[in-house]
Amino acid sequence: MNYKRRDNAMKKSILTLAVCGLFVMATSVVYGETLELTKDAYIEEVIVNNFELTQLEEDLVDETKEYKAALRTAKSIDELTWDEFNDNYETKESKTRAVKAKMYNSLKEGKEYYDKYIEVIQKRDAITLAAENNYYNYLNAIKDLEIKNENLKLTKDKYDVKVTEERIGQASALDLLAYEKTYNDALGQQLKASNLVDKRRNTFNLYIDRPINTAIELSQVDIVLPDFKINSLDVALPSLLENSYLKKTQELELKRLEMDRTVKGRTSGFGDVKIELEQNEIAVKEVKEQIEDATLIIEYQLRTNYNNTLAAENVFKSAELQLEIAKTNLNVAKVKEKNDMISSLDYIQAKQNYDSAVKTYLDAKLAAYTAYVSFNNFMNLNSLAVPMDLK
């Protein structure tokens, strides 16, 4: 019975090693020339290859031109003397168009330019953060696979020793099964880690419009948590309420509607114009309500983003402490195993606990980094002074 078990174990060992070899090869096979990228180079390539951002930036160029043209036209009309105005705009219709160009068009074009300016920054921030997550996630997956490979080798070595001990009668069949299970568990974890590397590599490549199986050589870089750009919610809130784009864009819309009403009021208040003025009044009321709602929305977003960041920070701190505990326990386990004070399985468990703590630490640090950057982006965007005095 023992010989049969040993033969089966040896066959299984050979098979699993073959499977393991195939998966390790799959993660290191070269698909043509290997692409070497730093994080900054990757982010730059992601931005350059993002069609939506490119389109938004082109739209911003157009909106800027139209806004500048409207400002110049308004200024040129405003500088005309009354006689010059009458000479250039002789008919009632032309005078009406001139009044609209002077009083209204720059407000309309300015609102559209402002919104596009904000949209470009939001998109760029989102793309940059997504690219950073891709880079760090891929790097973390590679690190995790390296750890799982080490753990698989450790459990395989311990299992091989136990096979020999069971054959010469120094270990029981039940003991051998426990080591076999540990080895099989390690193999399963290694295969999952290998699959995750493939998945993260594919996502990484998709963001730079390369074939998903392009081999990548990443520059090793640690995640550095940025400074937390806030000292007090109560201090930050008044500034956001004054400068936030959520209110600014509605205030620009309110000015546009009020000037639209003024321009239309210069003509007869009957027929289509009367209906338009009535619709304008409704729109003005709606925008005023949206400005009031923005005050509540900004405070809610500030507190939510702040609390999310603190939560992610605390999770990371806990993961950091757990890693220190697991590292200490592993060092103790090494000494104890060397002096036959614990079994190899106990040592393997301490090693696996440490490996798990490393992965948790890396994931928690990336989550904290994402929360920090998201919060800082929120603060920057809501404190942004969009240049409106264009020449």
Protein backbone atom coordinates (compact mmCIF):
# COMPACT_ATOMS: atom_id res chain seq x y z
CA MET A 1 0.00 0.00 0.00
CA ASN A 2 2.83 2.36 0.89
CA TYR A 3 4.63 1.55 -2.39
CA LYS A 4 1.44 2.27 -4.32
CA ARG A 5 0.98 5.56 -2.51
CA ARG A 6 4.62 6.43 -3.10
CA ASP A 7 4.38 5.64 -6.81
CA ASN A 8 1.23 7.74 -7.13
CA ALA A 9 2.88 10.54 -5.22
CA MET A 10 5.93 10.45 -7.46
CA LYS A 11 3.78 10.45 -10.60
CA LYS A 12 1.77 13.34 -9.24
CA SER A 13 4.96 15.18 -8.36
CA ILE A 14 6.33 14.79 -11.88
CA LEU A 15 3.02 15.88 -13.40
CA THR A 16 2.65 18.96 -11.24
CA LEU A 17 6.21 19.99 -11.88
CA ALA A 18 5.57 19.74 -15.60
CA VAL A 19 2.41 21.83 -15.25
CA CYS A 20 4.24 24.33 -13.08
CA GLY A 21 7.04 24.55 -15.63
CA LEU A 22 4.59 25.28 -18.39
CA PHE A 23 2.99 28.12 -16.45
CA VAL A 24 6.31 29.63 -15.45
CA MET A 25 7.41 29.49 -19.08
CA ALA A 26 4.13 31.12 -20.12
CA THR A 27 4.94 34.14 -17.97
CA SER A 28 8.47 34.53 -19.30
CA VAL A 29 8.09 33.67 -22.98
CA VAL A 30 9.29 36.47 -25.26
CA TYR A 31 6.75 37.84 -27.75
CA GLY A 32 9.19 39.52 -30.09
CA GLU A 33 11.15 42.44 -28.70
CA THR A 34 10.67 43.13 -24.99
CA LEU A 35 9.21 46.56 -24.21
CA GLU A 36 11.00 48.39 -21.40
CA LEU A 37 8.99 51.13 -19.69
CA THR A 38 9.31 53.40 -16.70
CA LYS A 39 6.15 54.54 -14.95
CA ASP A 40 6.41 58.08 -16.33
CA ALA A 41 7.02 56.81 -19.87
CA TYR A 42 4.01 54.51 -19.59
CA ILE A 43 1.75 57.32 -18.36
CA GLU A 44 2.91 59.56 -21.18
CA GLU A 45 2.22 56.85 -23.75
CA VAL A 46 -1.22 56.18 -22.27
CA ILE A 47 -2.09 59.88 -22.51
CA VAL A 48 -0.81 60.20 -26.06
CA ASN A 49 -2.78 57.14 -27.20
CA ASN A 50 -6.06 58.05 -25.49
CA PHE A 51 -8.45 59.04 -28.27
CA GLU A 52 -11.07 60.56 -25.96
CA LEU A 53 -8.55 62.89 -24.32
CA THR A 54 -7.10 63.87 -27.69
CA GLN A 55 -10.60 64.69 -28.93
CA LEU A 56 -11.37 66.74 -25.82
CA GLU A 57 -8.12 68.67 -26.17
CA GLU A 58 -8.89 69.42 -29.81
CA ASP A 59 -12.37 70.55 -28.81
CA LEU A 60 -10.82 72.80 -26.15
CA VAL A 61 -8.63 74.43 -28.81
CA ASP A 62 -11.75 75.15 -30.87
CA GLU A 63 -13.69 76.43 -27.85
CA THR A 64 -10.77 78.68 -26.91
CA LYS A 65 -10.63 80.16 -30.42
CA GLU A 66 -14.38 80.81 -30.44
CA TYR A 67 -14.25 82.39 -26.99
CA LYS A 68 -11.35 84.64 -27.96
CA ALA A 69 -13.13 85.63 -31.16
CA ALA A 70 -16.27 86.53 -29.21
CA LEU A 71 -14.22 88.62 -26.76
CA ARG A 72 -12.49 90.47 -29.61
CA THR A 73 -15.77 91.10 -31.39
CA ALA A 74 -17.41 92.44 -28.23
CA LYS A 75 -14.41 94.71 -27.59
CA SER A 76 -14.35 96.04 -31.15
CA ILE A 77 -18.07 96.89 -31.07
CA ASP A 78 -17.74 98.46 -27.62
CA GLU A 79 -14.97 100.76 -28.88
CA LEU A 80 -17.10 102.15 -31.71
CA THR A 81 -18.53 105.64 -31.36
CA TRP A 82 -22.27 106.02 -31.78
CA ASP A 83 -21.82 107.35 -35.32
CA GLU A 84 -19.43 104.51 -36.21
CA PHE A 85 -21.92 102.03 -34.81
CA ASN A 86 -24.72 103.45 -36.98
CA ASP A 87 -22.49 103.45 -40.05
CA ASN A 88 -21.48 99.81 -39.57
CA TYR A 89 -24.90 98.52 -38.51
CA GLU A 90 -27.57 100.32 -40.47
CA THR A 91 -30.58 98.01 -40.24
CA LYS A 92 -32.55 96.96 -37.19
CA GLU A 93 -31.54 93.36 -37.75
CA SER A 94 -27.83 94.18 -37.95
CA LYS A 95 -28.06 96.33 -34.83
CA THR A 96 -29.73 93.44 -32.99
CA ARG A 97 -26.93 91.07 -34.07
CA ALA A 98 -24.34 93.61 -32.94
CA VAL A 99 -25.97 93.97 -29.54
CA LYS A 100 -26.01 90.18 -29.19
CA ALA A 101 -22.36 89.94 -30.24
CA LYS A 102 -21.41 92.63 -27.72
CA MET A 103 -23.50 91.56 -24.72
CA TYR A 104 -24.25 87.87 -25.12
CA ASN A 105 -21.92 85.85 -27.35
CA SER A 106 -18.84 86.12 -25.12
CA LEU A 107 -20.88 84.77 -22.18
CA LYS A 108 -22.13 81.83 -24.21
CA GLU A 109 -18.72 80.98 -25.66
CA GLY A 110 -17.07 81.55 -22.27
CA LYS A 111 -19.37 79.02 -20.58
CA GLU A 112 -18.63 76.40 -23.23
CA TYR A 113 -14.89 77.07 -23.04
CA TYR A 114 -14.94 76.87 -19.22
CA ASP A 115 -16.75 73.53 -19.19
CA LYS A 116 -14.39 72.04 -21.78
CA TYR A 117 -11.35 73.27 -19.84
CA ILE A 118 -12.58 71.47 -16.70
CA GLU A 119 -13.52 68.36 -18.67
CA VAL A 120 -10.00 68.06 -20.12
CA ILE A 121 -8.40 68.26 -16.66
CA GLN A 122 -10.85 65.73 -15.22
CA LYS A 123 -10.15 63.32 -18.08
CA ARG A 124 -6.39 63.75 -17.84
CA ASP A 125 -6.46 63.15 -14.06
CA ALA A 126 -8.59 60.02 -14.50
CA ILE A 127 -6.36 58.61 -17.25
CA THR A 128 -3.17 59.32 -15.31
CA LEU A 129 -4.47 57.63 -12.16
CA ALA A 130 -5.73 54.63 -14.15
CA ALA A 131 -2.31 54.32 -15.82
CA GLU A 132 -0.55 54.45 -12.46
CA ASN A 133 -2.87 51.75 -11.15
CA ASN A 134 -2.10 49.61 -14.20
CA TYR A 135 1.62 50.00 -13.65
CA TYR A 136 1.57 49.31 -9.92
CA ASN A 137 -0.95 46.47 -10.25
CA TYR A 138 1.19 44.75 -12.86
CA LEU A 139 4.32 45.26 -10.76
CA ASN A 140 2.57 43.93 -7.65
CA ALA A 141 1.33 40.88 -9.57
CA ILE A 142 4.89 40.10 -10.69
CA LYS A 143 6.13 40.43 -7.11
CA ASP A 144 3.36 38.15 -5.89
CA LEU A 145 4.21 35.53 -8.52
CA GLU A 146 7.84 35.60 -7.44
CA ILE A 147 6.74 34.97 -3.86
CA LYS A 148 4.41 32.16 -4.93
CA ASN A 149 7.23 30.55 -6.95
CA GLU A 150 9.46 30.63 -3.87
CA ASN A 151 6.70 29.13 -1.74
CA LEU A 152 6.04 26.41 -4.31
CA LYS A 153 9.72 25.45 -4.31
CA LEU A 154 9.78 25.41 -0.51
CA THR A 155 6.72 23.16 -0.22
CA LYS A 156 8.02 20.90 -3.00
CA ASP A 157 11.36 20.48 -1.24
CA LYS A 158 9.64 19.71 2.07
CA TYR A 159 7.26 17.29 0.36
CA ASP A 160 10.13 15.45 -1.33
CA VAL A 161 11.85 15.03 2.03
CA LYS A 162 8.66 13.69 3.56
CA VAL A 163 8.25 11.19 0.67
CA THR A 164 11.69 9.82 1.52
CA GLU A 165 10.94 9.74 5.25
CA GLU A 166 7.64 7.91 4.65
CA ARG A 167 9.41 5.35 2.46
CA ILE A 168 11.95 4.46 5.18
CA GLY A 169 9.34 4.46 7.90
CA GLN A 170 10.21 7.78 9.61
CA ALA A 171 6.90 9.44 8.67
CA SER A 172 3.34 8.20 8.58
CA ALA A 173 1.14 8.05 5.53
CA LEU A 174 -1.14 10.66 7.15
CA ASP A 175 1.83 12.95 7.69
CA LEU A 176 2.75 12.59 4.02
CA LEU A 177 -0.79 13.49 2.98
CA ALA A 178 -0.59 16.72 4.98
CA TYR A 179 2.60 17.72 3.14
CA GLU A 180 1.08 16.70 -0.19
CA LYS A 181 -1.93 18.91 0.48
CA THR A 182 0.33 21.83 1.40
CA TYR A 183 2.26 21.37 -1.83
CA ASN A 184 -0.92 21.13 -3.91
CA ASP A 185 -2.27 24.30 -2.25
CA ALA A 186 0.97 26.11 -3.07
CA LEU A 187 0.75 24.95 -6.68
CA GLY A 188 -2.80 26.24 -6.93
CA GLN A 189 -1.74 29.62 -5.55
CA GLN A 190 1.17 29.77 -7.98
CA LEU A 191 -1.08 29.06 -10.94
CA LYS A 192 -3.54 31.75 -9.84
CA ALA A 193 -0.70 34.24 -9.44
CA SER A 194 0.60 33.32 -12.91
CA ASN A 195 -2.85 33.90 -14.41
CA LEU A 196 -3.08 37.25 -12.64
CA VAL A 197 0.24 38.35 -14.15
CA ASP A 198 -1.13 37.52 -17.61
CA LYS A 199 -4.33 39.44 -16.89
CA ARG A 200 -2.50 42.49 -15.54
CA ARG A 201 -0.06 42.45 -18.48
CA ASN A 202 -2.97 42.36 -20.94
CA THR A 203 -4.67 45.32 -19.26
CA PHE A 204 -1.35 47.15 -19.15
CA ASN A 205 -0.85 46.72 -22.90
CA LEU A 206 -4.40 47.58 -23.86
CA TYR A 207 -3.96 51.04 -22.35
CA ILE A 208 -1.09 51.80 -24.73
CA ASP A 209 -2.68 50.19 -27.78
CA ARG A 210 -0.19 47.35 -28.01
CA PRO A 211 -0.85 43.64 -28.55
CA ILE A 212 -1.99 42.30 -25.19
CA ASN A 213 0.75 39.67 -25.07
CA THR A 214 3.62 42.15 -25.59
CA ALA A 215 6.45 41.26 -23.21
CA ILE A 216 7.10 44.09 -20.74
CA GLU A 217 10.14 44.90 -18.63
CA LEU A 218 9.02 47.24 -15.86
CA SER A 219 11.27 49.59 -13.94
CA GLN A 220 11.09 48.67 -10.27
CA VAL A 221 9.54 51.57 -8.40
CA ASP A 222 8.02 51.82 -4.95
CA ILE A 223 4.68 53.47 -4.30
CA VAL A 224 5.25 56.79 -2.56
CA LEU A 225 2.22 58.18 -0.80
CA PRO A 226 1.68 61.87 -1.67
CA ASP A 227 1.09 64.61 0.88
CA PHE A 228 -2.47 64.94 2.11
CA LYS A 229 -3.59 68.38 0.88
CA ILE A 230 -5.86 69.33 3.75
CA ASN A 231 -5.52 70.27 7.40
CA SER A 232 -9.12 70.94 8.34
CA LEU A 233 -12.47 70.30 6.66
CA ASP A 234 -13.90 73.48 8.14
CA VAL A 235 -11.04 75.53 6.69
CA ALA A 236 -11.18 73.88 3.27
CA LEU A 237 -14.95 74.06 2.79
CA PRO A 238 -15.38 77.88 2.47
CA SER A 239 -12.66 78.00 -0.17
CA LEU A 240 -14.28 75.20 -2.16
CA LEU A 241 -17.70 76.82 -1.92
CA GLU A 242 -16.21 80.00 -3.38
CA ASN A 243 -14.05 78.47 -6.11
CA SER A 244 -15.53 75.08 -7.00
CA TYR A 245 -16.20 74.49 -10.68
CA LEU A 246 -19.57 72.96 -9.72
CA LYS A 247 -20.76 76.44 -8.71
CA LYS A 248 -18.70 78.44 -11.18
CA THR A 249 -20.17 76.71 -14.22
CA GLN A 250 -23.71 77.29 -12.96
CA GLU A 251 -22.93 80.92 -12.17
CA LEU A 252 -21.66 81.36 -15.72
CA GLU A 253 -24.85 79.77 -17.01
CA LEU A 254 -26.90 82.15 -14.86
CA LYS A 255 -25.07 85.16 -16.33
CA ARG A 256 -25.66 83.82 -19.83
CA LEU A 257 -29.39 83.37 -19.20
CA GLU A 258 -29.76 86.80 -17.61
CA MET A 259 -27.97 88.46 -20.53
CA ASP A 260 -30.03 86.43 -22.97
CA ARG A 261 -33.13 87.84 -21.29
CA THR A 262 -31.73 91.38 -21.55
CA VAL A 263 -30.94 91.02 -25.25
CA LYS A 264 -34.34 89.50 -26.08
CA GLY A 265 -36.05 92.19 -23.98
CA ARG A 266 -34.80 94.82 -26.40
CA THR A 267 -37.10 93.41 -29.07
CA SER A 268 -40.85 93.11 -29.02
CA GLY A 269 -42.24 90.99 -26.19
CA PHE A 270 -44.76 89.22 -28.35
CA GLY A 271 -44.99 85.95 -30.28
CA ASP A 272 -41.96 83.69 -30.29
CA VAL A 273 -39.86 86.15 -28.30
CA LYS A 274 -42.43 86.21 -25.51
CA ILE A 275 -42.39 82.41 -25.30
CA GLU A 276 -38.60 82.43 -25.26
CA LEU A 277 -38.58 84.96 -22.40
CA GLU A 278 -40.99 82.80 -20.41
CA GLN A 279 -38.75 79.77 -20.96
CA ASN A 280 -35.78 81.87 -19.94
CA GLU A 281 -37.43 82.72 -16.61
CA ILE A 282 -37.97 79.02 -15.91
CA ALA A 283 -34.34 78.24 -16.79
CA VAL A 284 -33.09 81.04 -14.50
CA LYS A 285 -35.04 79.61 -11.56
CA GLU A 286 -33.69 76.12 -12.26
CA VAL A 287 -30.08 77.31 -12.41
CA LYS A 288 -30.46 79.28 -9.17
CA GLU A 289 -31.72 76.09 -7.50
CA GLN A 290 -28.76 74.17 -8.94
CA ILE A 291 -26.37 76.75 -7.45
CA GLU A 292 -27.99 76.27 -4.06
CA ASP A 293 -27.80 72.47 -4.45
CA ALA A 294 -24.13 72.72 -5.42
CA THR A 295 -23.34 74.03 -1.94
CA LEU A 296 -24.68 70.81 -0.43
CA ILE A 297 -23.06 68.63 -3.09
CA ILE A 298 -19.62 70.18 -2.61
CA GLU A 299 -19.70 69.69 1.15
CA TYR A 300 -20.90 66.10 0.74
CA GLN A 301 -18.17 65.33 -1.81
CA LEU A 302 -15.50 66.92 0.38
CA ARG A 303 -16.45 64.93 3.46
CA THR A 304 -16.94 61.69 1.52
CA ASN A 305 -13.58 61.97 -0.25
CA TYR A 306 -11.89 62.90 3.02
CA ASN A 307 -13.40 59.96 4.91
CA ASN A 308 -12.59 57.54 2.09
CA THR A 309 -8.98 58.69 2.18
CA LEU A 310 -8.73 58.31 5.95
CA ALA A 311 -10.26 54.83 5.73
CA ALA A 312 -7.78 53.74 3.06
CA GLU A 313 -4.93 55.21 5.10
CA ASN A 314 -5.99 53.27 8.21
CA VAL A 315 -6.33 50.02 6.26
CA PHE A 316 -2.81 50.54 4.94
CA LYS A 317 -1.44 51.24 8.43
CA SER A 318 -3.04 48.01 9.69
CA ALA A 319 -1.57 46.07 6.77
CA GLU A 320 1.83 47.60 7.54
CA LEU A 321 1.61 46.48 11.16
CA GLN A 322 0.42 43.02 10.15
CA LEU A 323 3.41 42.70 7.82
CA GLU A 324 5.78 43.53 10.68
CA ILE A 325 4.08 40.93 12.88
CA ALA A 326 4.23 38.28 10.15
CA LYS A 327 7.90 39.09 9.48
CA THR A 328 8.77 38.70 13.17
CA ASN A 329 6.83 35.42 13.39
CA LEU A 330 8.63 34.12 10.30
CA ASN A 331 12.04 34.94 11.75
CA VAL A 332 11.11 33.12 14.96
CA ALA A 333 9.81 30.17 12.96
CA LYS A 334 13.10 29.93 11.03
CA VAL A 335 15.06 29.63 14.27
CA LYS A 336 12.63 27.12 15.76
CA GLU A 337 12.61 24.91 12.68
CA LYS A 338 16.40 24.95 12.54
CA ASN A 339 16.48 23.69 16.12
CA ASP A 340 13.68 21.12 15.57
CA MET A 341 11.32 23.02 17.87
CA ILE A 342 8.51 23.11 15.25
CA SER A 343 7.61 20.99 12.25
CA SER A 344 8.28 21.98 8.66
CA LEU A 345 4.53 22.47 8.20
CA ASP A 346 4.53 25.06 10.99
CA TYR A 347 7.40 26.87 9.30
CA ILE A 348 5.63 26.73 5.93
CA GLN A 349 2.51 28.19 7.56
CA ALA A 350 4.55 31.07 9.00
CA LYS A 351 6.08 31.67 5.57
CA GLN A 352 2.68 31.63 3.89
CA ASN A 353 1.30 34.02 6.51
CA TYR A 354 4.17 36.37 5.73
CA ASP A 355 3.62 36.04 1.97
CA SER A 356 -0.07 36.80 2.42
CA ALA A 357 0.80 39.84 4.55
CA VAL A 358 3.12 41.12 1.81
CA LYS A 359 0.35 40.90 -0.79
CA THR A 360 -2.15 42.56 1.54
CA TYR A 361 0.38 45.31 2.25
CA LEU A 362 1.06 45.98 -1.44
CA ASP A 363 -2.67 46.06 -2.28
CA ALA A 364 -3.47 48.31 0.70
CA LYS A 365 -0.66 50.71 -0.16
CA LEU A 366 -1.90 51.03 -3.74
CA ALA A 367 -5.46 51.59 -2.49
CA ALA A 368 -4.19 54.29 -0.11
CA TYR A 369 -2.19 55.89 -2.93
CA THR A 370 -5.27 55.91 -5.17
CA ALA A 371 -7.38 57.48 -2.42
CA TYR A 372 -4.73 60.15 -1.71
CA VAL A 373 -4.35 61.09 -5.37
CA SER A 374 -8.12 61.07 -5.95
CA PHE A 375 -8.63 63.40 -2.99
CA ASN A 376 -5.83 65.73 -4.07
CA ASN A 377 -7.24 65.80 -7.61
CA PHE A 378 -10.64 66.68 -6.16
CA MET A 379 -9.16 69.51 -4.11
CA ASN A 380 -7.07 70.84 -7.00
CA LEU A 381 -9.95 70.79 -9.46
CA ASN A 382 -12.31 72.52 -7.05
CA SER A 383 -9.72 75.19 -6.28
CA LEU A 384 -8.80 75.80 -9.90
CA ALA A 385 -8.90 79.29 -11.37
CA VAL A 386 -9.79 78.81 -15.04
CA PRO A 387 -8.23 81.67 -17.06
CA MET A 388 -11.12 83.67 -18.50
CA ASP A 389 -9.36 86.94 -19.43
CA LEU A 390 -8.03 85.60 -22.72
CA LYS A 391 -6.74 88.02 -25.33
